[in-house]
Amino acid sequence: MNRRAQLRLQRRSAKPPRWLKANSTFSQFIRLMERSLLNLTTIVLGLFMTYTWLSWILALFPYTRPWDNILGMPCIR
């Protein structure tokens, strides 16, 4: 009887939980949220880098320097 209990315990502990299986709904939800968060981070980082680059480029030339000042106004307020 002790041997049967040990075998049952080994089989049960070898199985991953249902929510961790690759085809479970929760696992799919986590993957979707992870992908969405990565996409959002990529977009925000791209917008920030574009804003920084544009501000730097506009500040280089005297004619476009006022546009740089206007571009930076929302950050200063």
C-alpha atoms as a PDB file:
ATOM      1  CA  MET A   1       0.000   0.000   0.000  1.00  0.00           C
ATOM      2  CA  ASN A   2       2.849   2.366   0.764  1.00  0.00           C
ATOM      3  CA  ARG A   3       4.336   1.638  -2.654  1.00  0.00           C
ATOM      4  CA  ARG A   4       1.027   2.457  -4.392  1.00  0.00           C
ATOM      5  CA  ALA A   5       0.819   5.762  -2.559  1.00  0.00           C
ATOM      6  CA  GLN A   6       4.369   6.636  -3.580  1.00  0.00           C
ATOM      7  CA  LEU A   7       3.637   5.804  -7.235  1.00  0.00           C
ATOM      8  CA  ARG A   8       0.467   7.883  -7.171  1.00  0.00           C
ATOM      9  CA  LEU A   9       2.332  10.795  -5.600  1.00  0.00           C
ATOM     10  CA  GLN A  10       5.100  10.559  -8.206  1.00  0.00           C
ATOM     11  CA  ARG A  11       2.612  10.530 -11.082  1.00  0.00           C
ATOM     12  CA  ARG A  12       0.700  13.446  -9.659  1.00  0.00           C
ATOM     13  CA  SER A  13       3.794  15.569  -9.016  1.00  0.00           C
ATOM     14  CA  ALA A  14       5.148  14.859 -12.522  1.00  0.00           C
ATOM     15  CA  LYS A  15       2.104  16.464 -14.167  1.00  0.00           C
ATOM     16  CA  PRO A  16       2.186  20.242 -14.557  1.00  0.00           C
ATOM     17  CA  PRO A  17      -0.846  22.142 -13.259  1.00  0.00           C
ATOM     18  CA  ARG A  18      -3.715  22.557 -15.718  1.00  0.00           C
ATOM     19  CA  TRP A  19      -3.393  26.347 -15.855  1.00  0.00           C
ATOM     20  CA  LEU A  20       0.255  26.010 -16.890  1.00  0.00           C
ATOM     21  CA  LYS A  21      -0.363  23.791 -19.907  1.00  0.00           C
ATOM     22  CA  ALA A  22       0.397  25.359 -23.285  1.00  0.00           C
ATOM     23  CA  ASN A  23      -3.136  25.035 -24.622  1.00  0.00           C
ATOM     24  CA  SER A  24      -4.958  26.417 -21.585  1.00  0.00           C
ATOM     25  CA  THR A  25      -6.986  29.608 -21.790  1.00  0.00           C
ATOM     26  CA  PHE A  26      -4.992  31.276 -19.009  1.00  0.00           C
ATOM     27  CA  SER A  27      -1.716  30.524 -20.765  1.00  0.00           C
ATOM     28  CA  GLN A  28      -3.065  31.988 -24.004  1.00  0.00           C
ATOM     29  CA  PHE A  29      -4.230  35.074 -22.109  1.00  0.00           C
ATOM     30  CA  ILE A  30      -0.796  35.543 -20.534  1.00  0.00           C
ATOM     31  CA  ARG A  31       0.894  35.197 -23.937  1.00  0.00           C
ATOM     32  CA  LEU A  32      -1.513  37.734 -25.451  1.00  0.00           C
ATOM     33  CA  MET A  33      -0.917  40.209 -22.623  1.00  0.00           C
ATOM     34  CA  GLU A  34       2.840  39.730 -22.887  1.00  0.00           C
ATOM     35  CA  ARG A  35       2.770  40.357 -26.644  1.00  0.00           C
ATOM     36  CA  SER A  36       0.524  43.413 -26.223  1.00  0.00           C
ATOM     37  CA  LEU A  37       2.773  44.880 -23.544  1.00  0.00           C
ATOM     38  CA  LEU A  38       5.834  44.338 -25.722  1.00  0.00           C
ATOM     39  CA  ASN A  39       4.121  46.005 -28.702  1.00  0.00           C
ATOM     40  CA  LEU A  40       3.028  48.962 -26.571  1.00  0.00           C
ATOM     41  CA  THR A  41       6.531  49.364 -25.138  1.00  0.00           C
ATOM     42  CA  THR A  42       8.012  49.278 -28.641  1.00  0.00           C
ATOM     43  CA  ILE A  43       5.603  51.942 -29.888  1.00  0.00           C
ATOM     44  CA  VAL A  44       6.172  54.234 -26.894  1.00  0.00           C
ATOM     45  CA  LEU A  45       9.940  53.856 -27.153  1.00  0.00           C
ATOM     46  CA  GLY A  46       9.821  54.570 -30.900  1.00  0.00           C
ATOM     47  CA  LEU A  47       7.722  57.702 -30.358  1.00  0.00           C
ATOM     48  CA  PHE A  48      10.056  58.928 -27.626  1.00  0.00           C
ATOM     49  CA  MET A  49      13.138  58.361 -29.782  1.00  0.00           C
ATOM     50  CA  THR A  50      11.488  60.136 -32.739  1.00  0.00           C
ATOM     51  CA  TYR A  51      10.538  63.082 -30.512  1.00  0.00           C
ATOM     52  CA  THR A  52      14.091  63.316 -29.133  1.00  0.00           C
ATOM     53  CA  TRP A  53      15.672  63.064 -32.583  1.00  0.00           C
ATOM     54  CA  LEU A  54      13.313  65.670 -34.065  1.00  0.00           C
ATOM     55  CA  SER A  55      13.959  68.049 -31.180  1.00  0.00           C
ATOM     56  CA  TRP A  56      17.707  67.653 -31.627  1.00  0.00           C
ATOM     57  CA  ILE A  57      17.529  68.180 -35.405  1.00  0.00           C
ATOM     58  CA  LEU A  58      15.343  71.273 -35.073  1.00  0.00           C
ATOM     59  CA  ALA A  59      17.709  72.765 -32.481  1.00  0.00           C
ATOM     60  CA  LEU A  60      20.694  72.455 -34.839  1.00  0.00           C
ATOM     61  CA  PHE A  61      19.613  75.132 -37.297  1.00  0.00           C
ATOM     62  CA  PRO A  62      18.830  78.764 -36.404  1.00  0.00           C
ATOM     63  CA  TYR A  63      15.791  78.934 -38.698  1.00  0.00           C
ATOM     64  CA  THR A  64      14.095  75.897 -37.081  1.00  0.00           C
ATOM     65  CA  ARG A  65      15.127  76.649 -33.471  1.00  0.00           C
ATOM     66  CA  PRO A  66      11.748  78.305 -32.661  1.00  0.00           C
ATOM     67  CA  TRP A  67      10.011  75.108 -33.749  1.00  0.00           C
ATOM     68  CA  ASP A  68      12.235  73.200 -31.339  1.00  0.00           C
ATOM     69  CA  ASN A  69      11.194  75.565 -28.549  1.00  0.00           C
ATOM     70  CA  ILE A  70       7.521  75.036 -29.412  1.00  0.00           C
ATOM     71  CA  LEU A  71       8.052  71.273 -29.574  1.00  0.00           C
ATOM     72  CA  GLY A  72       9.571  71.266 -26.082  1.00  0.00           C
ATOM     73  CA  MET A  73       6.892  73.471 -24.487  1.00  0.00           C
ATOM     74  CA  PRO A  74       4.526  70.660 -23.358  1.00  0.00           C
ATOM     75  CA  CYS A  75       7.398  69.022 -21.464  1.00  0.00           C
ATOM     76  CA  ILE A  76       8.338  72.210 -19.615  1.00  0.00           C
ATOM     77  CA  ARG A  77       4.858  73.089 -18.337  1.00  0.00           C
END
